[in-house]
Protein backbone atom coordinates (compact mmCIF):
# COMPACT_ATOMS: atom_id res chain seq x y z
CA UNK A 1 41.80 133.26 136.37
CA UNK A 2 40.88 129.89 134.98
CA UNK A 3 42.76 130.76 131.80
CA UNK A 4 45.90 131.58 133.76
CA UNK A 5 45.55 128.34 135.68
CA UNK A 6 45.26 126.36 132.46
CA UNK A 7 48.28 128.11 131.02
CA UNK A 8 50.23 127.34 134.16
CA UNK A 9 49.33 123.67 133.98
CA UNK A 10 50.33 123.55 130.31
CA UNK A 11 53.65 125.23 131.08
CA UNK A 12 54.39 122.77 133.85
CA UNK A 13 53.46 119.89 131.57
CA UNK A 14 55.77 121.19 128.86
CA UNK A 15 58.66 121.50 131.32
CA UNK A 16 58.07 117.96 132.58
CA UNK A 17 57.93 116.60 129.02
CA UNK A 18 61.18 118.35 128.10
CA UNK A 19 62.83 117.00 131.24
CA UNK A 20 61.68 113.45 130.44
CA UNK A 21 62.91 113.65 126.84
CA UNK A 22 66.26 115.05 127.98
CA UNK A 23 66.66 112.31 130.56
CA UNK A 24 65.91 109.65 127.96
CA UNK A 25 68.42 111.19 125.56
CA UNK A 26 71.09 111.21 128.27
CA UNK A 27 70.32 107.60 129.07
CA UNK A 28 70.67 106.60 125.43
CA UNK A 29 73.98 108.42 125.16
CA UNK A 30 75.15 106.73 128.33
CA UNK A 31 74.16 103.32 127.01
CA UNK A 32 75.91 104.00 123.70
CA UNK A 33 79.07 105.10 125.48
CA UNK A 34 78.99 102.11 127.81
CA UNK A 35 78.51 99.68 124.93
CA UNK A 36 81.36 101.24 122.95
CA UNK A 37 83.65 101.10 125.98
CA UNK A 38 82.81 97.45 126.68
CA UNK A 39 83.30 96.45 123.06
CA UNK A 40 86.72 98.11 122.83
CA UNK A 41 87.77 96.67 126.19
CA UNK A 42 86.75 93.18 125.12
CA UNK A 43 88.95 93.13 122.03
CA UNK A 44 91.79 94.83 123.89
CA UNK A 45 91.80 92.15 126.59
CA UNK A 46 91.65 89.42 123.98
CA UNK A 47 94.69 90.89 122.27
CA UNK A 48 96.59 90.99 125.56
CA UNK A 49 95.80 87.35 126.27
CA UNK A 50 97.01 86.28 122.85
CA UNK A 51 100.26 88.18 123.21
CA UNK A 52 101.00 86.45 126.50
CA UNK A 53 100.48 82.98 125.04
CA UNK A 54 102.29 83.19 121.71
CA UNK A 55 106.03 82.87 121.19
CA UNK A 56 108.24 82.06 118.24
CA UNK A 57 111.72 82.64 116.88
CA UNK A 58 110.96 82.73 113.16
CA UNK A 59 111.42 86.22 111.69
CA UNK A 60 107.83 86.34 110.42
CA UNK A 61 106.48 85.34 113.83
CA UNK A 62 108.63 87.83 115.72
CA UNK A 63 107.68 90.66 113.37
CA UNK A 64 103.96 89.91 113.52
CA UNK A 65 104.05 89.73 117.32
CA UNK A 66 106.01 92.97 117.48
CA UNK A 67 103.36 94.68 115.35
CA UNK A 68 100.62 93.20 117.52
CA UNK A 69 102.40 94.46 120.63
CA UNK A 70 102.61 97.99 119.22
CA UNK A 71 98.89 97.99 118.63
CA UNK A 72 98.20 96.63 122.08
CA UNK A 73 100.08 99.55 123.61
CA UNK A 74 98.35 102.01 121.30
CA UNK A 75 94.89 100.60 122.03
CA UNK A 76 95.57 100.84 125.77
CA UNK A 77 96.52 104.48 125.44
CA UNK A 78 93.46 105.20 123.34
CA UNK A 79 91.19 103.52 125.89
CA UNK A 80 92.60 105.65 128.70
CA UNK A 81 91.94 108.84 126.78
CA UNK A 82 88.62 107.89 125.18
CA UNK A 83 85.59 109.92 126.23
CA UNK A 84 83.21 109.41 123.31
CA UNK A 85 81.79 106.40 121.43
CA UNK A 86 83.88 107.37 118.40
CA UNK A 87 87.08 107.36 120.43
CA UNK A 88 86.26 103.96 121.89
CA UNK A 89 85.52 102.73 118.37
CA UNK A 90 88.99 103.84 117.33
CA UNK A 91 90.52 101.88 120.22
CA UNK A 92 88.48 98.86 119.17
CA UNK A 93 89.79 99.11 115.63
CA UNK A 94 93.37 99.30 116.87
CA UNK A 95 92.87 96.22 119.03
CA UNK A 96 91.35 94.34 116.10
CA UNK A 97 94.31 95.34 114.00
CA UNK A 98 96.59 93.86 116.64
CA UNK A 99 94.56 90.66 116.59
CA UNK A 100 95.03 90.49 112.84
CA UNK A 101 98.77 90.41 113.44
CA UNK A 102 98.22 87.71 116.05
CA UNK A 103 96.39 85.72 113.44
CA UNK A 104 99.30 86.22 111.08
CA UNK A 105 101.76 85.06 113.75
CA UNK A 106 99.76 81.88 114.29
CA UNK A 107 99.80 81.25 110.57
CA UNK A 108 103.58 81.68 110.51
CA UNK A 109 103.82 79.22 113.42
CA UNK A 110 101.90 76.69 111.40
CA UNK A 111 98.94 76.49 113.76
CA UNK A 112 95.26 77.21 113.23
CA UNK A 113 94.80 80.99 113.07
CA UNK A 114 91.37 80.61 114.62
CA UNK A 115 88.04 82.17 113.69
CA UNK A 116 87.82 85.22 111.49
CA UNK A 117 87.63 88.65 113.10
CA UNK A 118 85.26 91.48 112.30
CA UNK A 119 86.55 93.21 109.16
CA UNK A 120 88.87 96.17 109.59
CA UNK A 121 87.50 99.39 108.19
CA UNK A 122 90.81 100.25 106.52
CA UNK A 123 91.03 96.90 104.76
CA UNK A 124 87.61 96.92 103.16
CA UNK A 125 87.90 96.51 99.43
CA UNK A 126 91.69 96.03 99.52
CA UNK A 127 91.53 92.29 98.87
CA UNK A 128 94.30 89.83 99.56
CA UNK A 129 97.23 88.34 97.70
CA UNK A 130 96.60 84.97 96.08
CA UNK A 131 99.96 84.36 94.43
CA UNK A 132 103.58 85.33 94.83
CA UNK A 133 104.98 88.39 93.11
CA UNK A 134 108.51 89.72 92.67
CA UNK A 135 109.62 92.95 91.02
CA UNK A 136 112.81 94.96 90.68
CA UNK A 137 112.55 98.68 91.19
CA UNK A 138 115.60 100.87 90.71
CA UNK A 139 117.97 98.06 91.56
CA UNK A 140 116.02 96.75 94.56
CA UNK A 141 113.97 93.56 94.68
CA UNK A 142 110.56 93.52 96.32
CA UNK A 143 108.53 90.38 96.97
CA UNK A 144 105.01 89.67 98.14
CA UNK A 145 102.85 86.58 98.59
CA UNK A 146 99.90 85.02 100.38
CA UNK A 147 102.07 83.05 102.82
CA UNK A 148 104.96 83.98 105.15
CA UNK A 149 108.45 83.02 104.08
CA UNK A 150 112.10 83.73 104.68
CA UNK A 151 111.96 86.48 102.06
CA UNK A 152 108.54 87.82 103.08
CA UNK A 153 108.44 88.22 106.89
CA UNK A 154 106.29 91.39 107.02
CA UNK A 155 102.54 90.94 107.25
CA UNK A 156 100.11 93.61 106.18
CA UNK A 157 96.36 93.19 106.83
CA UNK A 158 95.27 95.23 103.84
CA UNK A 159 94.47 98.89 103.44
CA UNK A 160 95.28 101.87 101.27
CA UNK A 161 98.49 103.68 100.52
CA UNK A 162 97.94 107.23 99.34
CA UNK A 163 94.56 106.23 98.00
CA UNK A 164 95.64 102.99 96.34
CA UNK A 165 94.48 99.58 97.62
CA UNK A 166 97.21 97.40 99.10
CA UNK A 167 96.06 93.78 99.55
CA UNK A 168 96.59 91.76 102.69
CA UNK A 169 99.60 89.49 102.50
CA UNK A 170 103.26 89.04 103.32
CA UNK A 171 105.95 91.38 102.01
CA UNK A 172 109.73 91.41 101.83
CA UNK A 173 109.94 94.86 103.36
CA UNK A 174 107.43 97.21 104.99
CA UNK A 175 107.70 99.67 102.12
CA UNK A 176 104.49 101.38 103.24
CA UNK A 177 106.43 102.64 106.25
CA UNK A 178 108.70 104.99 104.39
CA UNK A 179 110.75 105.72 107.48
CA UNK A 180 111.38 102.03 108.18
CA UNK A 181 111.37 100.24 104.84
CA UNK A 182 114.96 99.73 103.77
CA UNK A 183 115.42 102.06 100.86
CA UNK A 184 111.70 102.48 100.38
CA UNK A 185 111.87 106.13 101.24
CA UNK A 186 114.25 106.68 98.37
CA UNK A 187 112.47 104.56 95.82
CA UNK A 188 109.02 105.75 96.73
CA UNK A 189 106.07 103.75 98.00
CA UNK A 190 103.85 104.53 95.03
CA UNK A 191 106.46 103.31 92.57
CA UNK A 192 106.77 100.05 94.50
CA UNK A 193 103.00 99.66 94.65
CA UNK A 194 102.73 100.16 90.90
CA UNK A 195 105.38 97.54 90.28
CA UNK A 196 104.01 94.96 92.70
CA UNK A 197 100.36 95.25 91.83
CA UNK A 198 100.47 95.81 88.09
CA UNK A 199 101.82 92.90 86.01
CA UNK A 200 102.09 95.28 83.10
CA UNK A 201 104.11 97.83 85.03
CA UNK A 202 106.00 99.99 82.59
CA UNK A 203 103.55 99.21 79.79
CA UNK A 204 101.62 102.43 79.00
CA UNK A 205 98.69 100.38 77.80
CA UNK A 206 98.30 98.42 81.01
CA UNK A 207 97.03 100.23 84.07
CA UNK A 208 97.19 99.77 87.79
CA UNK A 209 93.52 98.88 87.95
CA UNK A 210 93.83 96.01 85.50
CA UNK A 211 96.93 94.68 87.20
CA UNK A 212 95.39 94.84 90.63
CA UNK A 213 92.70 92.40 89.59
CA UNK A 214 95.27 89.80 88.58
CA UNK A 215 96.58 87.81 91.48
CA UNK A 216 94.35 89.23 94.17
CA UNK A 217 91.11 88.20 95.79
CA UNK A 218 88.83 91.15 96.16
CA UNK A 219 87.95 91.78 99.77
CA UNK A 220 85.00 94.08 99.19
CA UNK A 221 82.08 93.10 101.34
CA UNK A 222 84.17 90.55 103.20
CA UNK A 223 82.92 89.63 106.59
CA UNK A 224 79.77 91.62 106.39
CA UNK A 225 78.45 91.17 109.70
CA UNK A 226 81.23 89.60 111.36
CA UNK A 227 81.40 92.72 113.22
CA UNK A 228 81.57 92.68 116.93
CA UNK A 229 80.95 88.97 117.22
CA UNK A 230 83.41 87.11 119.22
CA UNK A 231 83.22 84.57 116.60
CA UNK A 232 83.90 81.57 118.43
CA UNK A 233 84.04 83.17 121.76
CA UNK A 234 86.48 80.81 123.30
CA UNK A 235 88.51 80.78 120.32
CA UNK A 236 90.38 77.68 120.85
CA UNK A 237 90.69 77.52 124.46
CA UNK A 238 90.55 81.13 124.96
CA UNK A 239 93.04 82.01 122.36
CA UNK A 240 91.15 84.49 120.55
CA UNK A 241 93.34 84.35 117.67
CA UNK A 242 92.66 87.42 116.13
CA UNK A 243 92.67 88.43 112.78
CA UNK A 244 92.88 91.49 111.27
CA UNK A 245 95.16 94.27 111.82
CA UNK A 246 94.16 96.10 109.28
CA UNK A 247 95.93 98.69 108.69
CA UNK A 248 99.44 98.92 108.90
CA UNK A 249 100.96 102.19 108.62
CA UNK A 250 101.16 103.06 105.24
CA UNK A 251 102.52 106.36 104.65
CA UNK A 252 101.23 107.98 107.60
CA UNK A 253 97.57 108.24 107.16
CA UNK A 254 95.56 108.42 110.25
CA UNK A 255 93.28 106.32 112.03
CA UNK A 256 91.34 109.12 112.88
CA UNK A 257 90.46 109.28 109.39
CA UNK A 258 87.29 107.67 108.92
CA UNK A 259 86.22 107.56 112.34
CA UNK A 260 85.42 111.04 112.48
CA UNK A 261 88.34 111.80 110.87
CA UNK A 262 91.35 107.45 111.85
CA UNK A 263 91.82 108.12 108.58
CA UNK A 264 89.10 106.44 107.54
CA UNK A 265 90.03 104.25 110.07
CA UNK A 266 91.08 103.62 106.84
CA UNK A 267 93.73 105.75 107.34
CA UNK A 268 94.94 103.26 109.08
CA UNK A 269 96.29 102.21 112.19
CA UNK A 270 98.97 100.96 110.27
CA UNK A 271 102.42 100.33 110.45
CA UNK A 272 102.73 100.89 113.94
CA UNK A 273 101.77 104.39 113.89
CA UNK A 274 98.46 104.27 115.45
CA UNK A 275 96.69 107.34 115.81
CA UNK A 276 98.25 108.14 112.77
CA UNK A 277 98.40 104.90 111.26
CA UNK A 278 98.89 104.94 107.79
CA UNK A 279 96.73 103.87 105.00
């Protein structure tokens, strides 16, 4: 009888222990979900505030703000549908990408772009342009440079196009968006990338890798730990001047990539495709 009683007590104790562990696990998951939701919402609201306060007529400014607006709409949709920490993380990345375009718009306006943003997953290791480049590909001229200009009104926050790094900078046409880049769909994005990022393009003895290192600042490891910080919280009077929109659409990759799939995140939110961004 005593043995049965002891066994009963042990069984009850085991059930209670399991219940406690399960409750703690649920609480942790709830905290993780709540934190992810709050983080995504914070960057999304910052992006919305920036969009309301910035205006400009220059082509580069209008284009950057249009790209930021696309990502704002996409991030809002993602937030509404998000149910897991990973989905909220994807919405956060989209909002940060929009803030990168905001930062670009401020640069084109000639005002302080504000504090740096957490690095975009898709842009890690892509680097950034440090000098102007111009190439002719099948009768078409393509330009790129570190600063906006009349010939380079399209900003790209850095990412990958079909596996190849594309540095952050300003371009004459959004060739990574094959459906939108004038003639890019015919010429081919990879051919343009080879020409732009390899000074020895056409020289069998000079590869893409060597060319990529000339004229670019490597972005690997950039912003380690900038992540999630407001960086300057107020950001110039509340203008959170964002920074990175990493990931324009290049070629249709998907954001789902690295985030459980956002394309590596890397895939990229890009080019306006969100959820299928490209890169």
